[in-house]
C-alpha atoms as a PDB file:
ATOM      1  CA  MET A   1     108.801 108.018  74.409  1.00  0.00           C
ATOM      2  CA  ASN A   2     110.897 105.788  75.917  1.00  0.00           C
ATOM      3  CA  ARG A   3     108.679 103.261  77.331  1.00  0.00           C
ATOM      4  CA  ASN A   4     110.019 103.864  81.446  1.00  0.00           C
ATOM      5  CA  VAL A   5     109.477 107.451  80.952  1.00  0.00           C
ATOM      6  CA  TYR A   6     105.876 106.629  79.314  1.00  0.00           C
ATOM      7  CA  LYS A   7     105.196 105.026  82.064  1.00  0.00           C
ATOM      8  CA  LEU A   8     105.823 106.911  84.687  1.00  0.00           C
ATOM      9  CA  ASN A   9     103.717 109.598  83.391  1.00  0.00           C
ATOM     10  CA  CYS A  10     101.211 107.403  83.208  1.00  0.00           C
ATOM     11  CA  TYR A  11     101.549 106.863  87.343  1.00  0.00           C
ATOM     12  CA  ILE A  12     101.934 110.931  87.114  1.00  0.00           C
ATOM     13  CA  ILE A  13      98.522 111.346  85.849  1.00  0.00           C
ATOM     14  CA  GLU A  14      96.959 108.469  87.677  1.00  0.00           C
ATOM     15  CA  ALA A  15      98.306 110.307  90.720  1.00  0.00           C
ATOM     16  CA  LEU A  16      96.858 113.563  90.082  1.00  0.00           C
ATOM     17  CA  ASN A  17      93.681 112.303  88.848  1.00  0.00           C
ATOM     18  CA  ALA A  18      93.000 110.449  92.355  1.00  0.00           C
ATOM     19  CA  PHE A  19      93.096 113.412  94.329  1.00  0.00           C
ATOM     20  CA  GLY A  20      91.911 115.778  92.143  1.00  0.00           C
ATOM     21  CA  THR A  21      88.683 113.241  91.529  1.00  0.00           C
ATOM     22  CA  ALA A  22      88.530 111.770  95.075  1.00  0.00           C
ATOM     23  CA  PHE A  23      88.936 115.853  96.636  1.00  0.00           C
ATOM     24  CA  TYR A  24      85.734 117.043  94.555  1.00  0.00           C
ATOM     25  CA  TYR A  25      83.821 113.825  94.663  1.00  0.00           C
ATOM     26  CA  THR A  26      84.153 113.810  98.569  1.00  0.00           C
ATOM     27  CA  TYR A  27      83.751 116.922  99.479  1.00  0.00           C
ATOM     28  CA  LEU A  28      81.090 117.841  96.759  1.00  0.00           C
ATOM     29  CA  PHE A  29      78.475 116.145  99.423  1.00  0.00           C
ATOM     30  CA  PHE A  30      79.677 118.538 102.132  1.00  0.00           C
ATOM     31  CA  TYR A  31      79.179 120.956  99.939  1.00  0.00           C
ATOM     32  CA  LEU A  32      75.827 120.367  99.336  1.00  0.00           C
ATOM     33  CA  GLN A  33      74.990 120.050 102.852  1.00  0.00           C
ATOM     34  CA  HIS A  34      76.317 122.954 103.879  1.00  0.00           C
ATOM     35  CA  PHE A  35      75.068 125.047 101.170  1.00  0.00           C
ATOM     36  CA  PHE A  36      71.624 123.464 100.177  1.00  0.00           C
ATOM     37  CA  GLY A  37      70.452 121.498 103.616  1.00  0.00           C
ATOM     38  CA  PHE A  38      71.213 118.010 101.555  1.00  0.00           C
ATOM     39  CA  ASP A  39      70.817 115.421 104.118  1.00  0.00           C
ATOM     40  CA  ARG A  40      71.773 111.789 104.046  1.00  0.00           C
ATOM     41  CA  ILE A  41      68.709 110.127 101.730  1.00  0.00           C
ATOM     42  CA  LEU A  42      69.460 113.330  99.034  1.00  0.00           C
ATOM     43  CA  ASN A  43      73.217 113.019  99.046  1.00  0.00           C
ATOM     44  CA  LEU A  44      72.610 109.229  98.391  1.00  0.00           C
ATOM     45  CA  TYR A  45      70.020 109.919  95.682  1.00  0.00           C
ATOM     46  CA  VAL A  46      72.768 112.095  93.968  1.00  0.00           C
ATOM     47  CA  CYS A  47      75.320 109.379  94.545  1.00  0.00           C
ATOM     48  CA  ALA A  48      73.431 106.645  92.743  1.00  0.00           C
ATOM     49  CA  LEU A  49      72.762 109.185  89.956  1.00  0.00           C
ATOM     50  CA  GLY A  50      76.536 109.758  89.217  1.00  0.00           C
ATOM     51  CA  GLY A  51      77.143 105.638  90.038  1.00  0.00           C
ATOM     52  CA  LEU A  52      74.575 104.851  87.252  1.00  0.00           C
ATOM     53  CA  PHE A  53      76.064 107.730  84.749  1.00  0.00           C
ATOM     54  CA  TYR A  54      79.743 106.324  85.468  1.00  0.00           C
ATOM     55  CA  LEU A  55      78.406 102.323  85.207  1.00  0.00           C
ATOM     56  CA  VAL A  56      77.097 103.654  81.274  1.00  0.00           C
ATOM     57  CA  GLY A  57      79.775 106.158  80.833  1.00  0.00           C
ATOM     58  CA  SER A  58      83.132 104.095  81.869  1.00  0.00           C
ATOM     59  CA  PHE A  59      81.598 101.533  78.730  1.00  0.00           C
ATOM     60  CA  PHE A  60      81.810 103.974  76.591  1.00  0.00           C
ATOM     61  CA  GLY A  61      84.568 105.439  77.665  1.00  0.00           C
ATOM     62  CA  GLY A  62      86.918 102.078  76.898  1.00  0.00           C
ATOM     63  CA  LYS A  63      85.481 102.034  73.541  1.00  0.00           C
ATOM     64  CA  PHE A  64      86.420 105.292  73.019  1.00  0.00           C
ATOM     65  CA  SER A  65      89.965 105.525  74.332  1.00  0.00           C
ATOM     66  CA  GLN A  66      90.109 102.281  71.836  1.00  0.00           C
ATOM     67  CA  LYS A  67      88.808 103.700  68.872  1.00  0.00           C
ATOM     68  CA  ASN A  68      90.178 107.150  69.206  1.00  0.00           C
ATOM     69  CA  GLY A  69      93.339 106.474  70.848  1.00  0.00           C
ATOM     70  CA  TYR A  70      94.537 107.272  74.744  1.00  0.00           C
ATOM     71  CA  ILE A  71      96.106 110.320  75.048  1.00  0.00           C
ATOM     72  CA  LYS A  72      93.474 111.857  73.007  1.00  0.00           C
ATOM     73  CA  THR A  73      90.954 110.621  75.074  1.00  0.00           C
ATOM     74  CA  LEU A  74      92.711 111.622  78.174  1.00  0.00           C
ATOM     75  CA  LYS A  75      93.220 115.056  77.084  1.00  0.00           C
ATOM     76  CA  LEU A  76      89.497 115.177  76.273  1.00  0.00           C
ATOM     77  CA  GLY A  77      88.413 113.898  79.788  1.00  0.00           C
ATOM     78  CA  VAL A  78      90.439 115.944  81.673  1.00  0.00           C
ATOM     79  CA  PHE A  79      89.526 118.741  80.323  1.00  0.00           C
ATOM     80  CA  THR A  80      85.854 117.883  80.411  1.00  0.00           C
ATOM     81  CA  MET A  81      86.290 117.463  83.676  1.00  0.00           C
ATOM     82  CA  ALA A  82      88.504 120.986  84.203  1.00  0.00           C
ATOM     83  CA  ALA A  83      85.670 122.447  81.991  1.00  0.00           C
ATOM     84  CA  MET A  84      82.939 121.691  85.379  1.00  0.00           C
ATOM     85  CA  MET A  85      84.719 122.781  87.877  1.00  0.00           C
ATOM     86  CA  SER A  86      85.467 125.890  86.144  1.00  0.00           C
ATOM     87  CA  ALA A  87      81.569 126.206  85.474  1.00  0.00           C
ATOM     88  CA  GLY A  88      80.705 124.683  88.904  1.00  0.00           C
ATOM     89  CA  MET A  89      82.695 127.909  90.807  1.00  0.00           C
ATOM     90  CA  GLY A  90      79.741 130.140  89.037  1.00  0.00           C
ATOM     91  CA  LEU A  91      76.601 128.313  89.588  1.00  0.00           C
ATOM     92  CA  ASP A  92      74.166 128.991  92.748  1.00  0.00           C
ATOM     93  CA  THR A  93      71.870 126.353  92.470  1.00  0.00           C
ATOM     94  CA  ALA A  94      71.831 122.497  93.623  1.00  0.00           C
ATOM     95  CA  LYS A  95      69.907 121.554  90.057  1.00  0.00           C
ATOM     96  CA  GLU A  96      72.938 123.268  88.542  1.00  0.00           C
ATOM     97  CA  GLN A  97      75.678 121.856  90.833  1.00  0.00           C
ATOM     98  CA  ILE A  98      74.153 118.154  90.315  1.00  0.00           C
ATOM     99  CA  VAL A  99      74.047 118.635  86.105  1.00  0.00           C
ATOM    100  CA  ILE A 100      77.837 120.189  86.887  1.00  0.00           C
ATOM    101  CA  MET A 101      78.787 116.709  88.584  1.00  0.00           C
ATOM    102  CA  LEU A 102      77.396 114.567  85.770  1.00  0.00           C
ATOM    103  CA  LEU A 103      78.909 115.905  83.221  1.00  0.00           C
ATOM    104  CA  TRP A 104      81.824 115.807  85.482  1.00  0.00           C
ATOM    105  CA  VAL A 105      81.463 111.864  85.619  1.00  0.00           C
ATOM    106  CA  LEU A 106      81.071 111.700  81.904  1.00  0.00           C
ATOM    107  CA  GLY A 107      84.742 113.324  81.543  1.00  0.00           C
ATOM    108  CA  MET A 108      86.187 110.910  84.244  1.00  0.00           C
ATOM    109  CA  CYS A 109      84.979 108.140  82.321  1.00  0.00           C
ATOM    110  CA  LEU A 110      87.220 108.725  79.702  1.00  0.00           C
ATOM    111  CA  THR A 111      90.358 108.684  82.350  1.00  0.00           C
ATOM    112  CA  TRP A 112      90.433 105.713  84.671  1.00  0.00           C
ATOM    113  CA  PRO A 113      89.741 102.942  81.372  1.00  0.00           C
ATOM    114  CA  THR A 114      91.955 104.875  79.542  1.00  0.00           C
ATOM    115  CA  LEU A 115      94.322 105.014  82.443  1.00  0.00           C
ATOM    116  CA  GLU A 116      94.357 100.919  83.103  1.00  0.00           C
ATOM    117  CA  ALA A 117      94.825 100.016  79.464  1.00  0.00           C
ATOM    118  CA  MET A 118      97.890 102.377  79.045  1.00  0.00           C
ATOM    119  CA  ILE A 119      99.462 100.763  82.497  1.00  0.00           C
ATOM    120  CA  SER A 120      98.855  97.381  81.208  1.00  0.00           C
ATOM    121  CA  GLU A 121      99.233  97.199  77.556  1.00  0.00           C
ATOM    122  CA  GLY A 122     102.657  95.758  76.180  1.00  0.00           C
ATOM    123  CA  GLU A 123     103.347  94.441  80.062  1.00  0.00           C
ATOM    124  CA  ASP A 124     104.256  90.653  80.186  1.00  0.00           C
ATOM    125  CA  PRO A 125     101.286  88.517  82.277  1.00  0.00           C
ATOM    126  CA  ILE A 126     104.399  88.196  85.088  1.00  0.00           C
ATOM    127  CA  ARG A 127     105.290  92.486  85.025  1.00  0.00           C
ATOM    128  CA  LEU A 128     101.050  92.773  84.267  1.00  0.00           C
ATOM    129  CA  SER A 129     100.688  92.192  88.046  1.00  0.00           C
ATOM    130  CA  ASN A 130     103.294  94.399  89.455  1.00  0.00           C
ATOM    131  CA  SER A 131     101.857  97.423  87.372  1.00  0.00           C
ATOM    132  CA  ILE A 132      98.559  96.638  88.117  1.00  0.00           C
ATOM    133  CA  GLY A 133      99.371  96.529  91.948  1.00  0.00           C
ATOM    134  CA  ILE A 134     101.442  99.570  91.386  1.00  0.00           C
ATOM    135  CA  TYR A 135      98.289 100.751  89.876  1.00  0.00           C
ATOM    136  CA  ASN A 136      96.138 100.182  92.689  1.00  0.00           C
ATOM    137  CA  ILE A 137      98.266 101.531  95.174  1.00  0.00           C
ATOM    138  CA  ILE A 138      98.724 104.700  93.467  1.00  0.00           C
ATOM    139  CA  TRP A 139      95.183 105.247  92.869  1.00  0.00           C
ATOM    140  CA  ALA A 140      94.334 104.163  96.585  1.00  0.00           C
ATOM    141  CA  ALA A 141      96.906 106.240  98.311  1.00  0.00           C
ATOM    142  CA  PHE A 142      96.688 109.629  96.437  1.00  0.00           C
ATOM    143  CA  SER A 143      92.429 109.000  97.083  1.00  0.00           C
ATOM    144  CA  ALA A 144      93.317 108.723 100.906  1.00  0.00           C
ATOM    145  CA  LEU A 145      95.313 111.937 100.965  1.00  0.00           C
ATOM    146  CA  ALA A 146      92.718 113.724  99.220  1.00  0.00           C
ATOM    147  CA  PHE A 147      89.945 112.547 101.668  1.00  0.00           C
ATOM    148  CA  PHE A 148      92.530 113.350 104.580  1.00  0.00           C
ATOM    149  CA  ILE A 149      93.473 116.900 104.084  1.00  0.00           C
ATOM    150  CA  GLY A 150      90.541 117.459 101.825  1.00  0.00           C
ATOM    151  CA  GLY A 151      88.687 119.407 105.041  1.00  0.00           C
ATOM    152  CA  ALA A 152      91.592 121.426 106.107  1.00  0.00           C
ATOM    153  CA  ILE A 153      92.128 122.627 102.834  1.00  0.00           C
ATOM    154  CA  VAL A 154      88.255 123.623 102.367  1.00  0.00           C
ATOM    155  CA  GLU A 155      88.224 125.313 105.687  1.00  0.00           C
ATOM    156  CA  GLY A 156      91.790 127.257 104.837  1.00  0.00           C
ATOM    157  CA  LEU A 157      90.695 127.668 101.381  1.00  0.00           C
ATOM    158  CA  GLY A 158      87.090 128.455 101.636  1.00  0.00           C
ATOM    159  CA  TRP A 159      84.566 126.355  99.036  1.00  0.00           C
ATOM    160  CA  LYS A 160      85.350 127.096  96.077  1.00  0.00           C
ATOM    161  CA  SER A 161      88.323 125.454  96.995  1.00  0.00           C
ATOM    162  CA  ILE A 162      86.443 122.193  95.744  1.00  0.00           C
ATOM    163  CA  PHE A 163      86.472 123.381  92.475  1.00  0.00           C
ATOM    164  CA  TRP A 164      90.096 125.131  92.116  1.00  0.00           C
ATOM    165  CA  VAL A 165      92.358 122.621  93.276  1.00  0.00           C
ATOM    166  CA  PRO A 166      90.882 120.345  90.829  1.00  0.00           C
ATOM    167  CA  LEU A 167      91.263 122.643  88.370  1.00  0.00           C
ATOM    168  CA  LEU A 168      94.203 122.952  88.634  1.00  0.00           C
ATOM    169  CA  ILE A 169      95.234 119.376  88.865  1.00  0.00           C
ATOM    170  CA  HIS A 170      93.189 118.824  85.638  1.00  0.00           C
ATOM    171  CA  GLY A 171      95.884 121.322  84.417  1.00  0.00           C
ATOM    172  CA  LEU A 172      98.912 120.091  85.148  1.00  0.00           C
ATOM    173  CA  GLN A 173      97.717 116.911  83.544  1.00  0.00           C
ATOM    174  CA  LEU A 174      96.856 118.469  80.470  1.00  0.00           C
ATOM    175  CA  ILE A 175     100.798 119.991  80.649  1.00  0.00           C
ATOM    176  CA  VAL A 176     102.225 116.093  81.226  1.00  0.00           C
ATOM    177  CA  LEU A 177      99.435 114.503  78.390  1.00  0.00           C
ATOM    178  CA  LYS A 178     100.879 117.526  75.905  1.00  0.00           C
ATOM    179  CA  LEU A 179     104.742 116.088  76.143  1.00  0.00           C
ATOM    180  CA  MET A 180     103.283 112.222  76.000  1.00  0.00           C
ATOM    181  CA  LYS A 181     102.885 110.493  73.057  1.00  0.00           C
ATOM    182  CA  GLU A 182     100.610 107.626  71.586  1.00  0.00           C
ATOM    183  CA  PRO A 183     102.050 104.584  72.645  1.00  0.00           C
ATOM    184  CA  ILE A 184     103.689 101.722  70.008  1.00  0.00           C
ATOM    185  CA  HIS A 185     101.676  98.921  70.509  1.00  0.00           C
ATOM    186  CA  LEU A 186     104.417  96.242  71.175  1.00  0.00           C
ATOM    187  CA  ASP A 187     103.466  92.118  71.693  1.00  0.00           C
ATOM    188  CA  ALA A 188     103.883  91.731  75.798  1.00  0.00           C
ATOM    189  CA  THR A 189     105.576  88.594  75.059  1.00  0.00           C
ATOM    190  CA  ASN A 190     108.417  90.844  73.510  1.00  0.00           C
ATOM    191  CA  ASN A 191     109.030  92.242  76.876  1.00  0.00           C
ATOM    192  CA  ALA A 192     109.187  88.916  78.878  1.00  0.00           C
ATOM    193  CA  THR A 193     112.449  86.844  79.146  1.00  0.00           C
ATOM    194  CA  GLY A 194     112.166  82.892  78.749  1.00  0.00           C
ATOM    195  CA  GLU A 195     112.831  82.764  82.839  1.00  0.00           C
ATOM    196  CA  ASP A 196     109.403  84.656  83.193  1.00  0.00           C
ATOM    197  CA  LEU A 197     107.939  82.604  80.340  1.00  0.00           C
ATOM    198  CA  GLN A 198     108.431  79.573  82.385  1.00  0.00           C
ATOM    199  CA  LEU A 199     107.379  80.785  85.532  1.00  0.00           C
ATOM    200  CA  LEU A 200     104.044  81.548  83.947  1.00  0.00           C
ATOM    201  CA  ASP A 201     103.799  78.276  82.008  1.00  0.00           C
ATOM    202  CA  ASP A 202     104.584  76.470  85.576  1.00  0.00           C
ATOM    203  CA  ASN A 203     101.821  78.369  87.608  1.00  0.00           C
ATOM    204  CA  ASN A 204      98.948  78.026  84.887  1.00  0.00           C
ATOM    205  CA  SER A 205      99.656  74.573  84.592  1.00  0.00           C
ATOM    206  CA  THR A 206      98.841  74.041  88.704  1.00  0.00           C
ATOM    207  CA  ILE A 207      95.702  76.176  88.177  1.00  0.00           C
ATOM    208  CA  SER A 208      92.784  73.901  87.571  1.00  0.00           C
ATOM    209  CA  GLY A 209      90.264  75.403  84.504  1.00  0.00           C
ATOM    210  CA  ASP A 210      87.687  75.307  87.666  1.00  0.00           C
ATOM    211  CA  THR A 211      89.715  77.345  90.149  1.00  0.00           C
ATOM    212  CA  LYS A 212      90.377  80.219  87.193  1.00  0.00           C
ATOM    213  CA  LYS A 213      86.451  79.711  86.595  1.00  0.00           C
ATOM    214  CA  ALA A 214      85.608  80.216  89.983  1.00  0.00           C
ATOM    215  CA  PHE A 215      88.333  83.113  90.817  1.00  0.00           C
ATOM    216  CA  MET A 216      87.071  85.474  87.894  1.00  0.00           C
ATOM    217  CA  GLN A 217      83.602  84.851  88.631  1.00  0.00           C
ATOM    218  CA  MET A 218      84.259  86.377  92.521  1.00  0.00           C
ATOM    219  CA  ALA A 219      85.863  88.795  90.903  1.00  0.00           C
ATOM    220  CA  TRP A 220      83.440  90.062  88.576  1.00  0.00           C
ATOM    221  CA  ILE A 221      80.569  90.047  92.112  1.00  0.00           C
ATOM    222  CA  ALA A 222      83.299  91.286  94.532  1.00  0.00           C
ATOM    223  CA  ASN A 223      84.467  94.439  92.425  1.00  0.00           C
ATOM    224  CA  PRO A 224      81.296  96.493  91.972  1.00  0.00           C
ATOM    225  CA  LEU A 225      80.212  95.558  95.409  1.00  0.00           C
ATOM    226  CA  ALA A 226      83.049  96.424  96.837  1.00  0.00           C
ATOM    227  CA  TYR A 227      82.826 100.146  94.567  1.00  0.00           C
ATOM    228  CA  MET A 228      79.233 100.042  96.010  1.00  0.00           C
ATOM    229  CA  ALA A 229      80.241  99.471  99.183  1.00  0.00           C
ATOM    230  CA  ALA A 230      83.010 102.191  99.635  1.00  0.00           C
ATOM    231  CA  ASN A 231      80.915 104.915  97.282  1.00  0.00           C
ATOM    232  CA  THR A 232      77.950 104.493  99.521  1.00  0.00           C
ATOM    233  CA  ILE A 233      79.739 105.704 102.711  1.00  0.00           C
ATOM    234  CA  ILE A 234      81.392 108.953 101.032  1.00  0.00           C
ATOM    235  CA  PRO A 235      77.805 110.224 100.907  1.00  0.00           C
ATOM    236  CA  LEU A 236      76.979 109.706 104.504  1.00  0.00           C
ATOM    237  CA  VAL A 237      79.942 111.163 105.726  1.00  0.00           C
ATOM    238  CA  PRO A 238      78.746 115.074 106.054  1.00  0.00           C
ATOM    239  CA  ASP A 239      75.700 114.000 108.169  1.00  0.00           C
ATOM    240  CA  ILE A 240      77.418 111.492 110.284  1.00  0.00           C
ATOM    241  CA  SER A 241      80.108 114.356 110.942  1.00  0.00           C
ATOM    242  CA  LYS A 242      77.395 116.948 112.022  1.00  0.00           C
ATOM    243  CA  GLY A 243      75.591 114.101 114.333  1.00  0.00           C
ATOM    244  CA  PHE A 244      79.029 113.994 116.169  1.00  0.00           C
ATOM    245  CA  GLY A 245      79.632 117.553 116.158  1.00  0.00           C
ATOM    246  CA  LEU A 246      82.543 117.171 113.402  1.00  0.00           C
ATOM    247  CA  SER A 247      84.037 120.235 111.500  1.00  0.00           C
ATOM    248  CA  THR A 248      84.958 119.461 108.396  1.00  0.00           C
ATOM    249  CA  MET A 249      88.383 119.298 108.899  1.00  0.00           C
ATOM    250  CA  LEU A 250      88.182 116.663 111.567  1.00  0.00           C
ATOM    251  CA  ALA A 251      85.782 114.615 110.118  1.00  0.00           C
ATOM    252  CA  GLY A 252      88.279 114.337 107.118  1.00  0.00           C
ATOM    253  CA  PHE A 253      90.946 113.312 109.565  1.00  0.00           C
ATOM    254  CA  ILE A 254      88.688 110.411 111.361  1.00  0.00           C
ATOM    255  CA  CYS A 255      86.605 109.588 108.346  1.00  0.00           C
ATOM    256  CA  SER A 256      89.525 109.031 105.796  1.00  0.00           C
ATOM    257  CA  ILE A 257      90.700 105.628 107.473  1.00  0.00           C
ATOM    258  CA  PHE A 258      88.707 103.291 105.409  1.00  0.00           C
ATOM    259  CA  TYR A 259      90.387 104.889 102.482  1.00  0.00           C
ATOM    260  CA  ILE A 260      93.954 104.765 104.256  1.00  0.00           C
ATOM    261  CA  SER A 261      93.021 101.302 105.077  1.00  0.00           C
ATOM    262  CA  ARG A 262      92.765 100.134 101.604  1.00  0.00           C
ATOM    263  CA  VAL A 263      95.997 101.562 100.984  1.00  0.00           C
ATOM    264  CA  VAL A 264      97.237  99.432 103.356  1.00  0.00           C
ATOM    265  CA  THR A 265      95.262  96.578 102.281  1.00  0.00           C
ATOM    266  CA  PHE A 266      96.643  96.951  98.619  1.00  0.00           C
END
């Protein structure tokens, strides 16, 4: 498969993944509130449990991907999420829905580390920053879109849409994956021009080792805290919206502003 076509397919799968996962996960907390009376505290417990599963699962998901191949891992992850969405439509208790969510998280753990590796691999240091930038904009934009229009989808198509809409999206992902082959692992320097490498050397020579170390330490601290902050807001939105008398649709329109601001920042 042509390298550019391969990367394009990766971005398509990423966009679908961002929309499907954000739609289900965001509106799951509305679902738990609506059908089972979950308040902000119970929703936070569910969120924390899912976060714990993701913390551990994403580490092993990345290792699994390295060992078994990107395409195979993505197929397994997407199929797992699709299976959980299918099962979720027929379950009627809060405990069952939480178990489904946790198993879904484990499937998702096979997708995000793998997608980032697929986007990054084989890129020289100059192009790598562009690839990661595009990657960040895509997942942020489609997550914001899911939050923004998700409430309208739920009101228009019913609560079960939080399961079958992602299920359809995962089906599209599997179709794209069916057309893809495992990438040929290339040395990133083979893709870099002499001008690119010289620019990289010039940039590296102007940055001290202490500065690089401090930047990496900041990234290791800031990234987890940023995700914790964002994911702490999501389970609170249903309770906040209820307090202001907002419908699910209006909650999506108004409360997605912090997702949209993240896209603009990227």
